[in-house]
Structure formats: C-alpha cells, structure tokens
Protein backbone atom coordinates (compact mmCIF):
# COMPACT_ATOMS: atom_id res chain seq x y z
CA MET A 1 0.00 0.00 0.00
CA GLN A 2 2.76 2.44 0.89
CA ILE A 3 4.54 1.64 -2.37
CA LYS A 4 1.34 2.39 -4.34
CA ARG A 5 0.81 5.67 -2.51
CA LEU A 6 4.41 6.68 -3.13
CA ALA A 7 4.12 5.81 -6.83
CA SER A 8 0.90 7.81 -7.07
CA ALA A 9 2.51 10.82 -5.40
CA VAL A 10 5.50 10.67 -7.76
CA ALA A 11 3.17 10.48 -10.76
CA MET A 12 1.19 13.48 -9.56
CA ALA A 13 4.35 15.48 -8.93
CA THR A 14 5.76 14.57 -12.30
CA GLY A 15 2.50 15.53 -13.97
CA ALA A 16 2.43 18.90 -12.22
CA ALA A 17 6.03 19.59 -13.16
CA GLY A 18 5.26 18.62 -16.72
CA LEU A 19 2.33 21.00 -16.84
CA MET A 20 4.47 23.77 -15.39
CA THR A 21 7.14 23.09 -18.01
CA LEU A 22 4.56 23.19 -20.79
CA ALA A 23 3.15 26.44 -19.42
CA ALA A 24 6.60 28.02 -19.22
CA THR A 25 7.36 26.87 -22.77
CA ALA A 26 4.10 28.31 -24.04
CA GLN A 27 4.85 31.62 -22.37
CA ALA A 28 8.35 31.64 -23.81
CA GLN A 29 6.96 31.14 -27.32
CA GLU A 30 4.22 33.75 -26.99
CA THR A 31 4.65 36.54 -29.52
CA PHE A 32 4.05 40.27 -29.09
CA GLU A 33 3.39 42.88 -31.74
CA TRP A 34 4.04 46.45 -30.63
CA LYS A 35 3.68 49.88 -32.14
CA MET A 36 6.28 52.60 -31.56
CA VAL A 37 5.32 56.21 -32.30
CA THR A 38 8.01 58.86 -32.69
CA SER A 39 8.36 62.62 -32.87
CA TRP A 40 10.56 62.41 -35.97
CA PRO A 41 9.97 62.04 -39.68
CA LYS A 42 10.02 58.37 -40.70
CA ASN A 43 13.60 57.13 -41.26
CA PHE A 44 15.06 60.60 -40.73
CA PRO A 45 18.87 60.38 -40.44
CA GLY A 46 20.20 59.89 -36.93
CA VAL A 47 17.34 60.45 -34.54
CA GLY A 48 14.74 58.91 -36.85
CA GLN A 49 16.84 55.88 -37.69
CA GLY A 50 17.52 55.08 -34.03
CA PRO A 51 14.01 53.69 -33.49
CA GLU A 52 14.33 51.62 -36.69
CA ARG A 53 17.58 50.10 -35.42
CA LEU A 54 15.90 49.40 -32.09
CA ALA A 55 13.07 47.52 -33.77
CA GLU A 56 15.50 45.49 -35.90
CA LEU A 57 17.62 44.52 -32.90
CA VAL A 58 14.63 43.45 -30.83
CA ASP A 59 13.27 41.35 -33.68
CA LYS A 60 16.60 39.56 -34.20
CA MET A 61 17.45 39.03 -30.54
CA SER A 62 13.97 37.75 -29.70
CA ASP A 63 13.82 35.53 -32.80
CA GLY A 64 10.65 37.31 -33.82
CA ARG A 65 8.85 36.91 -30.50
CA LEU A 66 8.70 40.69 -30.06
CA THR A 67 8.21 42.82 -33.16
CA ILE A 68 7.91 46.61 -33.17
CA GLU A 69 6.41 48.61 -36.01
CA VAL A 70 7.80 52.14 -36.09
CA TYR A 71 5.61 55.11 -37.00
CA GLY A 72 7.03 58.50 -37.90
CA ALA A 73 5.51 61.74 -36.68
CA GLY A 74 2.00 62.12 -38.06
CA GLN A 75 1.67 58.56 -39.33
CA LEU A 76 -0.28 57.34 -36.31
CA VAL A 77 -0.23 60.34 -33.98
CA PRO A 78 1.27 63.85 -34.29
CA GLY A 79 4.85 64.23 -33.10
CA PHE A 80 3.87 66.19 -30.00
CA GLU A 81 1.31 63.56 -28.92
CA VAL A 82 3.72 60.66 -28.53
CA PHE A 83 3.71 60.75 -24.74
CA ASP A 84 -0.09 60.70 -24.50
CA ALA A 85 -0.31 57.86 -27.02
CA VAL A 86 2.00 55.68 -24.93
CA ALA A 87 0.47 56.64 -21.58
CA GLU A 88 -3.02 55.84 -22.89
CA GLY A 89 -1.96 52.58 -24.56
CA THR A 90 -2.60 53.68 -28.15
CA ALA A 91 0.97 52.59 -28.75
CA GLU A 92 3.09 50.42 -26.50
CA MET A 93 6.22 52.47 -27.05
CA GLY A 94 7.45 55.90 -28.12
CA HIS A 95 10.69 57.68 -29.06
CA SER A 96 10.99 61.41 -28.47
CA ALA A 97 12.62 64.08 -26.28
CA SER A 98 11.35 64.89 -22.81
CA TYR A 99 11.29 68.69 -23.14
CA TYR A 100 8.27 68.33 -25.41
CA TRP A 101 6.25 67.33 -22.32
CA LYS A 102 6.97 70.43 -20.23
CA GLY A 103 3.24 71.18 -20.12
CA LYS A 104 2.62 67.87 -18.33
CA ALA A 105 5.78 67.63 -16.24
CA PRO A 106 7.95 70.78 -16.40
CA ALA A 107 10.84 69.01 -14.65
CA ALA A 108 11.09 66.60 -17.60
CA GLN A 109 13.14 69.28 -19.36
CA PHE A 110 16.12 68.52 -17.13
CA PHE A 111 16.46 65.12 -18.82
CA ALA A 112 16.57 66.49 -22.38
CA ALA A 113 18.78 69.59 -22.43
CA VAL A 114 19.87 72.25 -19.96
CA PRO A 115 21.43 75.44 -21.37
CA PHE A 116 25.14 75.56 -20.49
CA GLY A 117 24.60 72.23 -18.75
CA MET A 118 26.04 68.74 -19.18
CA ASN A 119 27.04 67.26 -22.52
CA ALA A 120 26.14 63.76 -23.74
CA GLN A 121 29.04 62.00 -22.02
CA GLU A 122 28.24 63.71 -18.73
CA MET A 123 24.49 63.17 -19.04
CA ASN A 124 24.91 59.46 -19.68
CA ALA A 125 27.12 59.22 -16.61
CA TRP A 126 24.57 61.04 -14.43
CA LEU A 127 21.65 59.02 -15.76
CA GLN A 128 23.32 55.63 -15.42
CA TYR A 129 25.55 56.10 -12.36
CA GLY A 130 24.39 59.28 -10.64
CA GLY A 131 20.74 58.50 -9.93
CA GLY A 132 19.33 60.34 -12.95
CA MET A 133 17.39 57.41 -14.41
CA GLU A 134 15.75 56.66 -11.09
CA LEU A 135 14.57 60.27 -10.87
CA TRP A 136 13.37 60.27 -14.47
CA ASN A 137 11.28 57.17 -13.86
CA GLU A 138 9.99 58.57 -10.59
CA LEU A 139 8.76 61.62 -12.50
CA TYR A 140 7.02 59.49 -15.15
CA ASP A 141 5.50 56.98 -12.70
CA GLN A 142 2.39 59.15 -12.33
CA PHE A 143 1.67 58.69 -16.05
CA GLY A 144 2.03 54.91 -16.15
CA VAL A 145 5.12 55.13 -18.35
CA GLU A 146 8.65 53.72 -18.00
CA VAL A 147 11.52 55.62 -19.60
CA MET A 148 14.93 54.59 -20.89
CA VAL A 149 17.57 56.88 -22.39
CA ALA A 150 17.74 56.10 -26.11
CA GLY A 151 20.23 58.29 -27.91
CA ALA A 152 21.96 61.65 -27.79
CA SER A 153 22.71 64.36 -30.32
CA GLY A 154 25.93 65.67 -28.82
CA VAL A 155 26.51 69.43 -28.71
CA GLN A 156 24.13 71.03 -31.18
CA MET A 157 24.49 74.06 -33.40
CA GLY A 158 23.18 77.47 -32.36
CA GLY A 159 20.74 77.69 -35.22
CA TRP A 160 19.89 79.20 -38.59
CA TYR A 161 19.15 82.93 -38.95
CA ASN A 162 17.97 84.97 -41.90
CA LYS A 163 20.07 87.94 -40.76
CA GLU A 164 23.44 88.42 -39.13
CA ILE A 165 23.50 88.58 -35.33
CA ASN A 166 26.07 91.14 -34.13
CA SER A 167 24.61 91.85 -30.68
CA VAL A 168 21.78 90.97 -28.32
CA ALA A 169 19.76 93.80 -29.87
CA ASP A 170 19.66 91.95 -33.20
CA LEU A 171 17.62 89.17 -31.59
CA ASP A 172 14.79 91.46 -30.55
CA GLY A 173 11.56 90.72 -32.39
CA LEU A 174 12.77 87.63 -34.25
CA LYS A 175 10.36 84.70 -34.53
CA MET A 176 12.25 81.48 -33.82
CA ARG A 177 11.60 77.79 -33.39
CA MET A 178 13.45 76.61 -30.26
CA PRO A 179 11.99 74.18 -27.70
CA GLY A 180 12.71 73.63 -24.02
CA LEU A 181 14.62 75.76 -21.57
CA GLY A 182 16.69 77.32 -24.35
CA GLY A 183 13.50 78.66 -25.86
CA GLU A 184 12.55 80.27 -22.55
CA VAL A 185 15.95 81.95 -22.41
CA MET A 186 15.58 83.29 -25.93
CA ASP A 187 12.12 84.55 -25.07
CA ARG A 188 13.67 86.68 -22.35
CA MET A 189 16.14 88.00 -24.91
CA GLY A 190 13.28 89.40 -26.97
CA VAL A 191 12.72 86.47 -29.34
CA ALA A 192 9.18 85.28 -30.09
CA ILE A 193 9.35 81.50 -29.66
CA VAL A 194 7.29 79.28 -31.95
CA ASN A 195 6.97 75.56 -31.20
CA MET A 196 6.59 73.09 -34.03
CA PRO A 197 7.71 69.53 -34.85
CA GLY A 198 10.71 69.00 -37.08
CA GLY A 199 8.71 68.22 -40.19
CA GLU A 200 7.28 71.77 -40.28
CA ILE A 201 10.54 73.68 -39.85
CA PHE A 202 11.70 74.07 -43.45
CA THR A 203 8.47 75.40 -44.90
CA SER A 204 8.01 77.76 -41.94
CA LEU A 205 11.52 79.17 -42.36
CA GLN A 206 11.25 79.39 -46.12
CA SER A 207 7.87 81.12 -46.03
CA GLY A 208 8.94 83.66 -43.42
CA ALA A 209 6.58 82.33 -40.75
CA ILE A 210 9.73 82.17 -38.62
CA ASP A 211 12.97 84.13 -38.96
CA ALA A 212 15.27 81.60 -37.34
CA THR A 213 15.35 78.03 -36.14
CA GLU A 214 17.50 75.49 -34.44
CA TRP A 215 17.13 71.82 -35.24
CA ILE A 216 19.96 69.50 -34.30
CA GLY A 217 23.24 69.86 -36.17
CA PRO A 218 24.83 69.73 -39.63
CA TYR A 219 23.94 66.09 -40.36
CA ASN A 220 20.23 66.65 -39.83
CA ASP A 221 20.16 70.28 -40.95
CA LEU A 222 21.66 69.35 -44.31
CA ALA A 223 19.06 66.59 -44.72
CA PHE A 224 16.27 69.12 -44.07
CA GLY A 225 17.75 71.53 -46.61
CA LEU A 226 17.73 74.42 -44.14
CA TYR A 227 20.55 76.11 -46.07
CA GLN A 228 17.95 76.89 -48.74
CA ALA A 229 15.96 79.04 -46.31
CA ALA A 230 18.61 80.87 -44.24
CA ASP A 231 22.19 81.99 -44.89
CA TYR A 232 23.67 82.32 -41.40
CA TYR A 233 24.57 79.27 -39.30
CA TYR A 234 25.58 80.00 -35.71
CA TYR A 235 27.55 78.15 -33.04
CA PRO A 236 28.01 77.11 -30.26
CA GLY A 237 24.74 75.43 -29.29
CA TRP A 238 24.70 76.85 -25.77
CA HIS A 239 21.01 76.03 -25.45
CA GLU A 240 21.49 72.29 -26.03
CA PRO A 241 24.91 70.90 -25.06
CA THR A 242 23.17 67.69 -26.03
CA VAL A 243 19.64 66.43 -26.33
CA MET A 244 19.06 63.06 -24.71
CA PHE A 245 16.36 61.13 -26.54
CA GLU A 246 13.96 58.87 -24.68
CA ALA A 247 12.31 55.51 -25.26
CA ILE A 248 9.08 55.39 -23.29
CA VAL A 249 7.07 52.22 -22.69
CA ASN A 250 3.55 51.78 -21.37
CA ASP A 251 3.83 50.15 -17.92
CA GLU A 252 1.17 47.50 -18.63
CA ALA A 253 2.78 46.61 -21.94
CA MET A 254 6.17 46.18 -20.28
CA ALA A 255 4.68 44.05 -17.50
CA SER A 256 3.09 41.77 -20.11
CA LEU A 257 6.50 40.76 -21.46
CA PRO A 258 8.37 37.77 -20.02
CA ASP A 259 11.61 38.62 -18.25
CA ASP A 260 13.82 37.63 -21.16
CA LEU A 261 11.99 39.90 -23.61
CA GLN A 262 12.18 42.77 -21.15
CA ALA A 263 15.94 42.20 -20.95
CA ILE A 264 16.20 42.10 -24.74
CA LEU A 265 14.29 45.37 -25.06
CA ARG A 266 16.49 47.13 -22.49
CA THR A 267 19.65 45.84 -24.14
CA ALA A 268 18.52 47.04 -27.56
CA VAL A 269 17.71 50.49 -26.17
CA ALA A 270 21.17 50.68 -24.58
CA ASP A 271 22.74 49.85 -27.93
CA VAL A 272 20.74 52.57 -29.68
CA ASN A 273 21.64 55.09 -26.99
CA GLN A 274 25.31 54.77 -27.93
CA SER A 275 24.92 54.21 -31.68
CA VAL A 276 22.86 57.38 -32.24
CA LEU A 277 25.52 59.54 -30.58
CA ASP A 278 28.27 57.74 -32.49
CA GLU A 279 26.53 58.43 -35.79
CA TYR A 280 26.19 62.14 -35.09
CA THR A 281 29.86 62.32 -34.12
CA ALA A 282 30.81 60.55 -37.34
CA ARG A 283 28.55 62.50 -39.71
CA ASN A 284 28.39 66.08 -38.48
CA ASN A 285 31.73 67.40 -39.73
CA ASP A 286 31.34 66.04 -43.25
CA ALA A 287 27.87 67.58 -43.40
CA LEU A 288 29.20 70.90 -42.13
CA GLN A 289 31.87 70.98 -44.83
CA THR A 290 29.20 70.30 -47.44
CA LEU A 291 27.09 73.17 -46.12
CA ILE A 292 30.04 75.57 -46.22
CA ASN A 293 31.82 74.48 -49.40
CA GLU A 294 28.92 73.44 -51.60
CA HIS A 295 26.07 75.61 -50.36
CA ASP A 296 27.94 78.76 -49.33
CA VAL A 297 26.56 78.76 -45.80
CA GLN A 298 28.08 81.47 -43.61
CA LEU A 299 29.29 79.86 -40.38
CA LYS A 300 29.31 82.36 -37.52
CA ARG A 301 30.16 82.31 -33.83
CA PHE A 302 27.68 84.03 -31.53
CA PRO A 303 29.05 87.37 -30.28
CA ASP A 304 30.40 87.32 -26.73
CA ASP A 305 27.62 89.59 -25.44
CA VAL A 306 24.96 87.20 -26.77
CA LEU A 307 26.61 84.24 -25.04
CA ALA A 308 27.08 86.18 -21.80
CA GLU A 309 23.44 87.30 -21.75
CA ALA A 310 22.23 83.81 -22.59
CA GLN A 311 24.27 82.31 -19.76
CA ALA A 312 23.02 84.84 -17.20
CA LEU A 313 19.39 84.33 -18.21
CA SER A 314 19.86 80.55 -18.28
CA GLU A 315 20.72 80.61 -14.59
CA ASP A 316 17.46 82.45 -13.91
CA VAL A 317 15.33 80.12 -16.02
CA VAL A 318 16.81 76.93 -14.59
CA SER A 319 16.62 78.21 -11.00
CA GLU A 320 12.98 79.16 -11.42
CA LEU A 321 12.15 75.72 -12.79
CA ALA A 322 13.90 74.12 -9.83
CA ALA A 323 11.82 76.21 -7.46
CA SER A 324 8.52 75.36 -9.19
CA ASP A 325 7.79 72.14 -7.25
CA PRO A 326 9.51 69.66 -4.90
CA MET A 327 10.17 67.09 -7.63
CA ALA A 328 11.82 69.69 -9.86
CA ARG A 329 14.00 70.74 -6.94
CA LYS A 330 14.97 67.12 -6.25
CA ILE A 331 15.98 66.56 -9.86
CA TYR A 332 17.81 69.88 -10.15
CA ASP A 333 19.80 69.30 -6.97
CA SER A 334 20.94 65.90 -8.25
CA TYR A 335 21.74 67.30 -11.70
CA ARG A 336 23.68 70.29 -10.39
CA ALA A 337 25.65 68.29 -7.83
CA PHE A 338 26.72 65.82 -10.52
CA GLN A 339 27.60 68.59 -12.97
CA ASP A 340 29.78 70.29 -10.39
CA LYS A 341 31.69 67.06 -9.78
CA VAL A 342 32.12 66.11 -13.41
CA GLU A 343 33.15 69.65 -14.40
CA SER A 344 35.87 69.58 -11.78
CA TYR A 345 37.35 66.39 -13.19
CA HIS A 346 36.81 67.30 -16.84
CA ALA A 347 38.71 70.55 -16.28
CA ILE A 348 41.91 68.53 -15.86
CA SER A 349 40.97 65.71 -18.24
CA GLU A 350 38.71 66.35 -21.26
CA GLN A 351 39.02 70.14 -21.35
CA ALA A 352 42.73 70.14 -20.57
CA PHE A 353 43.32 67.64 -23.34
CA TYR A 354 41.31 69.70 -25.86
CA ASN A 355 43.33 72.77 -24.92
CA ALA A 356 46.59 70.88 -25.30
CA ARG A 357 45.53 69.38 -28.61
CA ASN A 358 44.49 72.78 -29.97
CA PRO A 359 46.57 75.41 -28.10
CA GLU A 360 45.56 78.17 -30.53
CA GLY A 361 41.92 77.88 -29.52
CA ASP A 362 39.05 78.46 -31.95
CA THR A 363 40.54 78.36 -35.45
CA THR A 364 37.24 78.14 -37.30
CA THR A 365 37.18 80.25 -40.44
CA GLU A 366 34.10 82.45 -40.76
C-alpha cells in the first residue's frame, strides 16, 4: 500500500512539473506585436533611424517573439502627442525628447537639455551612475510610463538665422523655433518663440513664418535643406549641449512581457543610446563641410555679449524651474551636484586635453 501511494505521489508530482514546463514553454513562445510612435519624420537620419535600429535589434534578438512597427511623426499620432499615445496605450512604445512634455511635467526638461549644462558623455554618466534614471522614472510613474535613455545628439548648433546677429539687440523681435529651456531663455532675450515639430521647420523658415530656427546639427540640418531658407549658421549650441532622446514604454505593456523579452528590449535600447551619438559624431563634420563648401553657408560664432546674456538668463530660467515644485527641486539638486563634480574632473581631463591638442583655440574660419 505504501509503495502504491508513493508511486501515485510521484506520478502526480511529475505531472504537475510537466504541466508547469509546458506552461513556461508556451509563455516563452508567446509573440508580441508592438507599435512605436516617434516625434521624428520616418527614417530621418540619426534620430529617426535610431528607433528603426531598435526595432530590428529586438526582432533579431527575440527571434521574432517581439516585433515593433515604427511610426514617424503624423503617421499614427502627431509628433507632440507621442507621450499621450504611450500613456493611454494607443501605442506600447514611443521615441521622443522629454522637453516636449513640459506642459505635463515641467521638470522633464532637465532630462533632455539644460542650457550651459552637461554634454552627452556627462548626461549618460549622471543618468546611469548618478541616480538620474531613477529620478526620471519617478517623474514618469504618475503617467504609467517607463523611460529609458535612447540616444543623444551631442553638442548642437546654435541655429539658422535669416540675418546676421552682431549683438543681443539683433535678436529682438525675431520669430524662432526653439523648444525647451533654451526657448525660454531666448524669449527673455526678446525672441518670439514658436513651437513646431521637425517636419514643419523648413516650410516655416522658407515662407517667413519664422525668422530663425535650431534643429539638431549639420547632419540633420543638411538633410532638411535648411541652407535653402537661411544663410547664417551660428555656433556654439549653448542652449542644447546635447539632447538626450527617450524611449518610453507603457507600464502595462512592459509588465506583459516575459523577463527575457524585457531584458532584450532594455539591451537594444542601450545599444541605440550609444549608436545614435556615435553616428552624429561621425557624420556632423562632413555635413558641415558640405554646407560651407557646396552651399555657401556662412558659419558664424555668436558674439560674446549674446553668449554672456544667454548664460546669465539661463541661470534664472533653470533656478525658477527648480523652485517650481519639490520634484523639480529634487531633480535639479541631483543634476547640479553631478555637474559640479564632473566639471571639476573634466577641467583637468577632457578640457585640458582639448586645450593641449588645440593650443591656438578656436581656429574656425568664418
């Protein structure tokens, strides 16, 4: 009798284990079809191709178990409605820049670009090893969205102008497309700021609806043909020492994925974060030379008084944002503390090396 009972118990246990194995196998083979909406024109160089690379990587690494269809701005939702689409579940995923959501969460701007703030190398360090990502996700928790950093532009250009800028006074009354905190600074310098997605910039500049614009840098600006609508191209991009792009995922959609697919998605995003920045670094100078040598673009450095005024006003704008609510203050304090530390080290490492490599300073020909 005891032998029979033992045999029965073993059979039951084996059956249960078998069922559990079958269930786990079924879950492992379950497939998921996602939509990713973006704020960029479909397949646009750099920032628009990052999401395409992400989808390809996920498909290959998951052996087709997770596929992501990428939609450019306006194909499924307008570029400025990406966040809402992901939060509401219209799309499982989005790719954009967090300063577009300042109306929902003003502190989100800290994670995109801070005038005279940290560059891409420094931002990645803060986000990954200085507590930045935890703060970013804490900010987005209220919307049911998870965020991952998914690319960077590097230091951008100062923008395209249809007239020469010789002093702060020359900015007064201009209509300009510039998002984020940089736009608020320019507003205080007398510029009328106009917000619009990238796909509308060229026609607006060409028609005279705006007098100036910034976009990203030579690689993207050449692709948009902005040299056909303005003659003067200014640097440095004080307003955006980088823009960090974001991949946002609906919380419920992420939770529906098995652990291995979640890991695959995060790994693919990390790859894209680096590859987008690498592409901009590789392509920008060649594009700049094309703009100057083939399209007669006039490359200009902002006058010192413009940069000085912009820096002074940037301190005001950023400080006021930090004081706007406790979460903004928490993020700002973390950001500023990390910037202070990294600046101290970079003064005797990155900056010192640049100075040694180019002891004559700015040798750009205007």
